[in-house]
Amino acid sequence: MDQHPKSAQTFRRGRAIAFLDKLMVNRATLQRQLNQPELESIKQVVSGELKATEAIIEEFKQIFQIHEIAPEDTTSNVKKEESKEKDENN
């Protein structure tokens, strides 16, 4: 009986980490957009979204006590998202 709650907790933690990873991908995308000359006209908006996303990430990490997300996981997911965006645009 002790096994069941532990697996549910692990499942919830896994979902929290997956959501944090998605936030990190969004953050990386916004950072990349800040450096794109064609988005210069909305740079303030992108910058504001980036700051808000970073605040959400920090709050989420504190609330769920998540500190071990690996940067390489985020990097690979950013590449997957970029590839997906390119496919959708073509």
PDB file of N, CA and C in Angstrom:
ATOM      1  N   MET A   1       0.821  -1.197   0.000  1.00  0.00           N
ATOM      2  CA  MET A   1       0.000   0.000   0.000  1.00  0.00           C
ATOM      3  C   MET A   1       0.864   1.259   0.000  1.00  0.00           C
ATOM      4  N   ASP A   2       2.045   1.168   0.578  1.00  0.00           N
ATOM      5  CA  ASP A   2       2.972   2.297   0.603  1.00  0.00           C
ATOM      6  C   ASP A   2       3.491   2.618  -0.797  1.00  0.00           C
ATOM      7  N   GLN A   3       3.508   1.612  -1.676  1.00  0.00           N
ATOM      8  CA  GLN A   3       4.041   1.780  -3.025  1.00  0.00           C
ATOM      9  C   GLN A   3       3.174   2.726  -3.857  1.00  0.00           C
ATOM     10  N   HIS A   4       1.864   2.633  -3.757  1.00  0.00           N
ATOM     11  CA  HIS A   4       0.964   3.419  -4.598  1.00  0.00           C
ATOM     12  C   HIS A   4       1.143   4.935  -4.451  1.00  0.00           C
ATOM     13  N   PRO A   5       1.102   5.494  -3.235  1.00  0.00           N
ATOM     14  CA  PRO A   5       1.283   6.942  -3.116  1.00  0.00           C
ATOM     15  C   PRO A   5       2.640   7.414  -3.633  1.00  0.00           C
ATOM     16  N   LYS A   6       3.649   6.592  -3.459  1.00  0.00           N
ATOM     17  CA  LYS A   6       4.978   6.964  -3.920  1.00  0.00           C
ATOM     18  C   LYS A   6       4.999   7.098  -5.443  1.00  0.00           C
ATOM     19  N   SER A   7       4.364   6.153  -6.157  1.00  0.00           N
ATOM     20  CA  SER A   7       4.344   6.211  -7.611  1.00  0.00           C
ATOM     21  C   SER A   7       3.504   7.392  -8.096  1.00  0.00           C
ATOM     22  N   ALA A   8       2.423   7.703  -7.408  1.00  0.00           N
ATOM     23  CA  ALA A   8       1.619   8.867  -7.781  1.00  0.00           C
ATOM     24  C   ALA A   8       2.420  10.146  -7.587  1.00  0.00           C
ATOM     25  N   GLN A   9       3.176  10.201  -6.492  1.00  0.00           N
ATOM     26  CA  GLN A   9       4.006  11.377  -6.242  1.00  0.00           C
ATOM     27  C   GLN A   9       5.082  11.502  -7.318  1.00  0.00           C
ATOM     28  N   THR A  10       5.679  10.388  -7.700  1.00  0.00           N
ATOM     29  CA  THR A  10       6.692  10.390  -8.751  1.00  0.00           C
ATOM     30  C   THR A  10       6.083  10.854 -10.065  1.00  0.00           C
ATOM     31  N   PHE A  11       4.866  10.397 -10.365  1.00  0.00           N
ATOM     32  CA  PHE A  11       4.175  10.805 -11.585  1.00  0.00           C
ATOM     33  C   PHE A  11       3.939  12.308 -11.597  1.00  0.00           C
ATOM     34  N   ARG A  12       3.445  12.845 -10.473  1.00  0.00           N
ATOM     35  CA  ARG A  12       3.192  14.292 -10.392  1.00  0.00           C
ATOM     36  C   ARG A  12       4.484  15.078 -10.529  1.00  0.00           C
ATOM     37  N   ARG A  13       5.535  14.609  -9.901  1.00  0.00           N
ATOM     38  CA  ARG A  13       6.831  15.281 -10.001  1.00  0.00           C
ATOM     39  C   ARG A  13       7.329  15.259 -11.446  1.00  0.00           C
ATOM     40  N   GLY A  14       7.132  14.137 -12.114  1.00  0.00           N
ATOM     41  CA  GLY A  14       7.518  14.038 -13.519  1.00  0.00           C
ATOM     42  C   GLY A  14       6.769  15.039 -14.378  1.00  0.00           C
ATOM     43  N   ARG A  15       5.491  15.204 -14.104  1.00  0.00           N
ATOM     44  CA  ARG A  15       4.692  16.180 -14.861  1.00  0.00           C
ATOM     45  C   ARG A  15       5.142  17.600 -14.554  1.00  0.00           C
ATOM     46  N   ALA A  16       5.490  17.870 -13.302  1.00  0.00           N
ATOM     47  CA  ALA A  16       5.978  19.204 -12.932  1.00  0.00           C
ATOM     48  C   ALA A  16       7.288  19.500 -13.649  1.00  0.00           C
ATOM     49  N   ILE A  17       8.177  18.517 -13.704  1.00  0.00           N
ATOM     50  CA  ILE A  17       9.458  18.710 -14.388  1.00  0.00           C
ATOM     51  C   ILE A  17       9.234  18.893 -15.883  1.00  0.00           C
ATOM     52  N   ALA A  18       8.293  18.157 -16.462  1.00  0.00           N
ATOM     53  CA  ALA A  18       7.986  18.310 -17.888  1.00  0.00           C
ATOM     54  C   ALA A  18       7.455  19.714 -18.170  1.00  0.00           C
ATOM     55  N   PHE A  19       6.605  20.233 -17.281  1.00  0.00           N
ATOM     56  CA  PHE A  19       6.080  21.585 -17.467  1.00  0.00           C
ATOM     57  C   PHE A  19       7.193  22.615 -17.332  1.00  0.00           C
ATOM     58  N   LEU A  20       8.081  22.417 -16.371  1.00  0.00           N
ATOM     59  CA  LEU A  20       9.218  23.324 -16.206  1.00  0.00           C
ATOM     60  C   LEU A  20      10.094  23.297 -17.452  1.00  0.00           C
ATOM     61  N   ASP A  21      10.284  22.125 -18.007  1.00  0.00           N
ATOM     62  CA  ASP A  21      11.076  22.001 -19.229  1.00  0.00           C
ATOM     63  C   ASP A  21      10.429  22.794 -20.362  1.00  0.00           C
ATOM     64  N   LYS A  22       9.104  22.746 -20.461  1.00  0.00           N
ATOM     65  CA  LYS A  22       8.383  23.520 -21.485  1.00  0.00           C
ATOM     66  C   LYS A  22       8.588  25.016 -21.265  1.00  0.00           C
ATOM     67  N   LEU A  23       8.540  25.444 -20.015  1.00  0.00           N
ATOM     68  CA  LEU A  23       8.800  26.855 -19.712  1.00  0.00           C
ATOM     69  C   LEU A  23      10.217  27.252 -20.128  1.00  0.00           C
ATOM     70  N   MET A  24      11.172  26.354 -19.913  1.00  0.00           N
ATOM     71  CA  MET A  24      12.558  26.643 -20.287  1.00  0.00           C
ATOM     72  C   MET A  24      12.701  26.753 -21.811  1.00  0.00           C
ATOM     73  N   VAL A  25      11.966  25.932 -22.542  1.00  0.00           N
ATOM     74  CA  VAL A  25      11.975  26.020 -24.008  1.00  0.00           C
ATOM     75  C   VAL A  25      11.395  27.366 -24.438  1.00  0.00           C
ATOM     76  N   ASN A  26      10.288  27.769 -23.816  1.00  0.00           N
ATOM     77  CA  ASN A  26       9.688  29.074 -24.127  1.00  0.00           C
ATOM     78  C   ASN A  26      10.678  30.195 -23.842  1.00  0.00           C
ATOM     79  N   ARG A  27      11.381  30.090 -22.728  1.00  0.00           N
ATOM     80  CA  ARG A  27      12.379  31.100 -22.350  1.00  0.00           C
ATOM     81  C   ARG A  27      13.485  31.191 -23.404  1.00  0.00           C
ATOM     82  N   ALA A  28      13.987  30.048 -23.831  1.00  0.00           N
ATOM     83  CA  ALA A  28      15.048  30.025 -24.843  1.00  0.00           C
ATOM     84  C   ALA A  28      14.560  30.618 -26.163  1.00  0.00           C
ATOM     85  N   THR A  29      13.317  30.336 -26.522  1.00  0.00           N
ATOM     86  CA  THR A  29      12.742  30.890 -27.747  1.00  0.00           C
ATOM     87  C   THR A  29      12.653  32.409 -27.657  1.00  0.00           C
ATOM     88  N   LEU A  30      12.193  32.921 -26.524  1.00  0.00           N
ATOM     89  CA  LEU A  30      12.099  34.374 -26.336  1.00  0.00           C
ATOM     90  C   LEU A  30      13.479  35.019 -26.376  1.00  0.00           C
ATOM     91  N   GLN A  31      14.469  34.376 -25.768  1.00  0.00           N
ATOM     92  CA  GLN A  31      15.831  34.916 -25.805  1.00  0.00           C
ATOM     93  C   GLN A  31      16.339  34.987 -27.241  1.00  0.00           C
ATOM     94  N   ARG A  32      16.062  33.947 -28.009  1.00  0.00           N
ATOM     95  CA  ARG A  32      16.478  33.931 -29.411  1.00  0.00           C
ATOM     96  C   ARG A  32      15.774  35.043 -30.195  1.00  0.00           C
ATOM     97  N   GLN A  33      14.487  35.250 -29.917  1.00  0.00           N
ATOM     98  CA  GLN A  33      13.721  36.271 -30.624  1.00  0.00           C
ATOM     99  C   GLN A  33      14.239  37.675 -30.336  1.00  0.00           C
ATOM    100  N   LEU A  34      14.793  37.886 -29.148  1.00  0.00           N
ATOM    101  CA  LEU A  34      15.344  39.204 -28.818  1.00  0.00           C
ATOM    102  C   LEU A  34      16.478  39.596 -29.757  1.00  0.00           C
ATOM    103  N   ASN A  35      17.169  38.612 -30.310  1.00  0.00           N
ATOM    104  CA  ASN A  35      18.312  38.875 -31.181  1.00  0.00           C
ATOM    105  C   ASN A  35      17.960  38.866 -32.663  1.00  0.00           C
ATOM    106  N   GLN A  36      16.695  38.716 -32.995  1.00  0.00           N
ATOM    107  CA  GLN A  36      16.293  38.681 -34.400  1.00  0.00           C
ATOM    108  C   GLN A  36      15.933  40.087 -34.873  1.00  0.00           C
ATOM    109  N   PRO A  37      16.667  40.598 -35.859  1.00  0.00           N
ATOM    110  CA  PRO A  37      16.434  41.966 -36.342  1.00  0.00           C
ATOM    111  C   PRO A  37      15.007  42.197 -36.843  1.00  0.00           C
ATOM    112  N   GLU A  38      14.388  41.184 -37.425  1.00  0.00           N
ATOM    113  CA  GLU A  38      13.035  41.361 -37.958  1.00  0.00           C
ATOM    114  C   GLU A  38      11.988  41.545 -36.856  1.00  0.00           C
ATOM    115  N   LEU A  39      12.357  41.276 -35.611  1.00  0.00           N
ATOM    116  CA  LEU A  39      11.433  41.457 -34.487  1.00  0.00           C
ATOM    117  C   LEU A  39      11.768  42.699 -33.656  1.00  0.00           C
ATOM    118  N   GLU A  40      12.589  43.554 -34.207  1.00  0.00           N
ATOM    119  CA  GLU A  40      13.029  44.765 -33.495  1.00  0.00           C
ATOM    120  C   GLU A  40      11.839  45.618 -33.041  1.00  0.00           C
ATOM    121  N   SER A  41      10.795  45.694 -33.869  1.00  0.00           N
ATOM    122  CA  SER A  41       9.647  46.546 -33.543  1.00  0.00           C
ATOM    123  C   SER A  41       8.874  46.065 -32.307  1.00  0.00           C
ATOM    124  N   ILE A  42       9.001  44.792 -31.964  1.00  0.00           N
ATOM    125  CA  ILE A  42       8.286  44.272 -30.786  1.00  0.00           C
ATOM    126  C   ILE A  42       9.257  43.816 -29.699  1.00  0.00           C
ATOM    127  N   LYS A  43      10.462  44.340 -29.742  1.00  0.00           N
ATOM    128  CA  LYS A  43      11.498  43.923 -28.796  1.00  0.00           C
ATOM    129  C   LYS A  43      11.067  44.142 -27.339  1.00  0.00           C
ATOM    130  N   GLN A  44      10.390  45.246 -27.057  1.00  0.00           N
ATOM    131  CA  GLN A  44       9.942  45.518 -25.684  1.00  0.00           C
ATOM    132  C   GLN A  44       8.935  44.471 -25.212  1.00  0.00           C
ATOM    133  N   VAL A  45       8.036  44.088 -26.101  1.00  0.00           N
ATOM    134  CA  VAL A  45       7.031  43.079 -25.755  1.00  0.00           C
ATOM    135  C   VAL A  45       7.711  41.741 -25.470  1.00  0.00           C
ATOM    136  N   VAL A  46       8.634  41.348 -26.351  1.00  0.00           N
ATOM    137  CA  VAL A  46       9.354  40.082 -26.174  1.00  0.00           C
ATOM    138  C   VAL A  46      10.155  40.109 -24.877  1.00  0.00           C
ATOM    139  N   SER A  47      10.787  41.239 -24.608  1.00  0.00           N
ATOM    140  CA  SER A  47      11.568  41.385 -23.381  1.00  0.00           C
ATOM    141  C   SER A  47      10.671  41.249 -22.145  1.00  0.00           C
ATOM    142  N   GLY A  48       9.499  41.843 -22.199  1.00  0.00           N
ATOM    143  CA  GLY A  48       8.547  41.727 -21.093  1.00  0.00           C
ATOM    144  C   GLY A  48       8.079  40.298 -20.891  1.00  0.00           C
ATOM    145  N   GLU A  49       7.816  39.607 -22.003  1.00  0.00           N
ATOM    146  CA  GLU A  49       7.406  38.204 -21.916  1.00  0.00           C
ATOM    147  C   GLU A  49       8.529  37.348 -21.342  1.00  0.00           C
ATOM    148  N   LEU A  50       9.763  37.664 -21.721  1.00  0.00           N
ATOM    149  CA  LEU A  50      10.915  36.925 -21.207  1.00  0.00           C
ATOM    150  C   LEU A  50      11.045  37.113 -19.699  1.00  0.00           C
ATOM    151  N   LYS A  51      10.920  38.341 -19.241  1.00  0.00           N
ATOM    152  CA  LYS A  51      11.009  38.605 -17.797  1.00  0.00           C
ATOM    153  C   LYS A  51       9.893  37.889 -17.039  1.00  0.00           C
ATOM    154  N   ALA A  52       8.691  37.915 -17.595  1.00  0.00           N
ATOM    155  CA  ALA A  52       7.562  37.238 -16.948  1.00  0.00           C
ATOM    156  C   ALA A  52       7.790  35.725 -16.905  1.00  0.00           C
ATOM    157  N   THR A  53       8.283  35.174 -17.996  1.00  0.00           N
ATOM    158  CA  THR A  53       8.554  33.734 -18.053  1.00  0.00           C
ATOM    159  C   THR A  53       9.624  33.348 -17.046  1.00  0.00           C
ATOM    160  N   GLU A  54      10.666  34.157 -16.938  1.00  0.00           N
ATOM    161  CA  GLU A  54      11.727  33.878 -15.966  1.00  0.00           C
ATOM    162  C   GLU A  54      11.197  33.938 -14.536  1.00  0.00           C
ATOM    163  N   ALA A  55      10.303  34.880 -14.266  1.00  0.00           N
ATOM    164  CA  ALA A  55       9.709  34.973 -12.927  1.00  0.00           C
ATOM    165  C   ALA A  55       8.860  33.736 -12.628  1.00  0.00           C
ATOM    166  N   ILE A  56       8.098  33.290 -13.621  1.00  0.00           N
ATOM    167  CA  ILE A  56       7.269  32.092 -13.447  1.00  0.00           C
ATOM    168  C   ILE A  56       8.151  30.872 -13.197  1.00  0.00           C
ATOM    169  N   ILE A  57       9.244  30.756 -13.951  1.00  0.00           N
ATOM    170  CA  ILE A  57      10.167  29.628 -13.775  1.00  0.00           C
ATOM    171  C   ILE A  57      10.719  29.604 -12.356  1.00  0.00           C
ATOM    172  N   GLU A  58      11.177  30.744 -11.877  1.00  0.00           N
ATOM    173  CA  GLU A  58      11.749  30.799 -10.526  1.00  0.00           C
ATOM    174  C   GLU A  58      10.713  30.454  -9.465  1.00  0.00           C
ATOM    175  N   GLU A  59       9.512  30.995  -9.610  1.00  0.00           N
ATOM    176  CA  GLU A  59       8.453  30.706  -8.641  1.00  0.00           C
ATOM    177  C   GLU A  59       8.072  29.221  -8.680  1.00  0.00           C
ATOM    178  N   PHE A  60       7.963  28.679  -9.875  1.00  0.00           N
ATOM    179  CA  PHE A  60       7.620  27.267 -10.047  1.00  0.00           C
ATOM    180  C   PHE A  60       8.669  26.371  -9.397  1.00  0.00           C
ATOM    181  N   LYS A  61       9.943  26.697  -9.612  1.00  0.00           N
ATOM    182  CA  LYS A  61      11.030  25.909  -9.018  1.00  0.00           C
ATOM    183  C   LYS A  61      10.971  25.950  -7.494  1.00  0.00           C
ATOM    184  N   GLN A  62      10.663  27.115  -6.941  1.00  0.00           N
ATOM    185  CA  GLN A  62      10.580  27.233  -5.485  1.00  0.00           C
ATOM    186  C   GLN A  62       9.384  26.466  -4.934  1.00  0.00           C
ATOM    187  N   ILE A  63       8.237  26.632  -5.554  1.00  0.00           N
ATOM    188  CA  ILE A  63       7.023  25.980  -5.059  1.00  0.00           C
ATOM    189  C   ILE A  63       7.155  24.460  -5.100  1.00  0.00           C
ATOM    190  N   PHE A  64       7.677  23.944  -6.203  1.00  0.00           N
ATOM    191  CA  PHE A  64       7.761  22.492  -6.366  1.00  0.00           C
ATOM    192  C   PHE A  64       9.121  21.928  -5.969  1.00  0.00           C
ATOM    193  N   GLN A  65       9.990  22.788  -5.471  1.00  0.00           N
ATOM    194  CA  GLN A  65      11.322  22.387  -5.004  1.00  0.00           C
ATOM    195  C   GLN A  65      12.054  21.570  -6.069  1.00  0.00           C
ATOM    196  N   ILE A  66      12.104  22.148  -7.256  1.00  0.00           N
ATOM    197  CA  ILE A  66      12.782  21.506  -8.385  1.00  0.00           C
ATOM    198  C   ILE A  66      14.063  22.280  -8.645  1.00  0.00           C
ATOM    199  N   HIS A  67      15.177  21.579  -8.511  1.00  0.00           N
ATOM    200  CA  HIS A  67      16.462  22.248  -8.700  1.00  0.00           C
ATOM    201  C   HIS A  67      17.367  21.487  -9.646  1.00  0.00           C
ATOM    202  N   GLU A  68      16.957  20.288 -10.031  1.00  0.00           N
ATOM    203  CA  GLU A  68      17.884  19.432 -10.748  1.00  0.00           C
ATOM    204  C   GLU A  68      17.635  19.326 -12.245  1.00  0.00           C
ATOM    205  N   ILE A  69      16.824  20.199 -12.838  1.00  0.00           N
ATOM    206  CA  ILE A  69      16.594  20.105 -14.279  1.00  0.00           C
ATOM    207  C   ILE A  69      17.899  20.388 -15.009  1.00  0.00           C
ATOM    208  N   ALA A  70      18.243  19.513 -15.915  1.00  0.00           N
ATOM    209  CA  ALA A  70      19.534  19.597 -16.605  1.00  0.00           C
ATOM    210  C   ALA A  70      19.449  20.534 -17.802  1.00  0.00           C
ATOM    211  N   PRO A  71      20.406  21.469 -17.934  1.00  0.00           N
ATOM    212  CA  PRO A  71      20.401  22.382 -19.081  1.00  0.00           C
ATOM    213  C   PRO A  71      20.442  21.652 -20.416  1.00  0.00           C
ATOM    214  N   GLU A  72      21.123  20.503 -20.474  1.00  0.00           N
ATOM    215  CA  GLU A  72      21.201  19.780 -21.744  1.00  0.00           C
ATOM    216  C   GLU A  72      19.839  19.249 -22.166  1.00  0.00           C
ATOM    217  N   ASP A  73      18.958  18.932 -21.204  1.00  0.00           N
ATOM    218  CA  ASP A  73      17.602  18.517 -21.542  1.00  0.00           C
ATOM    219  C   ASP A  73      16.869  19.652 -22.234  1.00  0.00           C
ATOM    220  N   THR A  74      17.002  20.845 -21.702  1.00  0.00           N
ATOM    221  CA  THR A  74      16.357  22.011 -22.285  1.00  0.00           C
ATOM    222  C   THR A  74      16.917  22.293 -23.667  1.00  0.00           C
ATOM    223  N   THR A  75      18.223  22.191 -23.827  1.00  0.00           N
ATOM    224  CA  THR A  75      18.845  22.447 -25.120  1.00  0.00           C
ATOM    225  C   THR A  75      18.310  21.494 -26.176  1.00  0.00           C
ATOM    226  N   SER A  76      18.205  20.225 -25.844  1.00  0.00           N
ATOM    227  CA  SER A  76      17.699  19.267 -26.826  1.00  0.00           C
ATOM    228  C   SER A  76      16.239  19.547 -27.149  1.00  0.00           C
ATOM    229  N   ASN A  77      15.460  19.966 -26.164  1.00  0.00           N
ATOM    230  CA  ASN A  77      14.061  20.286 -26.412  1.00  0.00           C
ATOM    231  C   ASN A  77      13.904  21.556 -27.221  1.00  0.00           C
ATOM    232  N   VAL A  78      14.798  22.527 -27.033  1.00  0.00           N
ATOM    233  CA  VAL A  78      14.761  23.748 -27.835  1.00  0.00           C
ATOM    234  C   VAL A  78      14.993  23.381 -29.293  1.00  0.00           C
ATOM    235  N   LYS A  79      15.958  22.514 -29.542  1.00  0.00           N
ATOM    236  CA  LYS A  79      16.239  22.089 -30.914  1.00  0.00           C
ATOM    237  C   LYS A  79      15.038  21.364 -31.514  1.00  0.00           C
ATOM    238  N   LYS A  80      14.364  20.528 -30.718  1.00  0.00           N
ATOM    239  CA  LYS A  80      13.170  19.836 -31.197  1.00  0.00           C
ATOM    240  C   LYS A  80      12.075  20.842 -31.540  1.00  0.00           C
ATOM    241  N   GLU A  81      11.874  21.839 -30.666  1.00  0.00           N
ATOM    242  CA  GLU A  81      10.853  22.855 -30.901  1.00  0.00           C
ATOM    243  C   GLU A  81      11.172  23.672 -32.148  1.00  0.00           C
ATOM    244  N   GLU A  82      12.446  24.049 -32.326  1.00  0.00           N
ATOM    245  CA  GLU A  82      12.840  24.811 -33.505  1.00  0.00           C
ATOM    246  C   GLU A  82      12.576  24.001 -34.764  1.00  0.00           C
ATOM    247  N   SER A  83      12.891  22.726 -34.725  1.00  0.00           N
ATOM    248  CA  SER A  83      12.661  21.849 -35.867  1.00  0.00           C
ATOM    249  C   SER A  83      11.168  21.745 -36.168  1.00  0.00           C
ATOM    250  N   LYS A  84      10.363  21.627 -35.106  1.00  0.00           N
ATOM    251  CA  LYS A  84       8.918  21.542 -35.264  1.00  0.00           C
ATOM    252  C   LYS A  84       8.366  22.837 -35.869  1.00  0.00           C
ATOM    253  N   GLU A  85       8.873  24.002 -35.405  1.00  0.00           N
ATOM    254  CA  GLU A  85       8.434  25.294 -35.933  1.00  0.00           C
ATOM    255  C   GLU A  85       8.767  25.413 -37.413  1.00  0.00           C
ATOM    256  N   LYS A  86       9.972  24.988 -37.798  1.00  0.00           N
ATOM    257  CA  LYS A  86      10.375  25.041 -39.203  1.00  0.00           C
ATOM    258  C   LYS A  86       9.463  24.166 -40.056  1.00  0.00           C
ATOM    259  N   ASP A  87       9.154  22.967 -39.563  1.00  0.00           N
ATOM    260  CA  ASP A  87       8.277  22.064 -40.301  1.00  0.00           C
ATOM    261  C   ASP A  87       6.883  22.661 -40.469  1.00  0.00           C
ATOM    262  N   GLU A  88       6.375  23.301 -39.429  1.00  0.00           N
ATOM    263  CA  GLU A  88       5.043  23.903 -39.487  1.00  0.00           C
ATOM    264  C   GLU A  88       5.007  25.093 -40.440  1.00  0.00           C
ATOM    265  N   ASN A  89       6.111  25.819 -40.554  1.00  0.00           N
ATOM    266  CA  ASN A  89       6.167  26.991 -41.423  1.00  0.00           C
ATOM    267  C   ASN A  89       6.384  26.626 -42.886  1.00  0.00           C
ATOM    268  N   ASN A  90       6.802  25.413 -43.154  1.00  0.00           N
ATOM    269  CA  ASN A  90       7.056  24.997 -44.552  1.00  0.00           C
ATOM    270  C   ASN A  90       5.918  24.233 -45.132  1.00  0.00           C
TER     271      ASN A  90
END
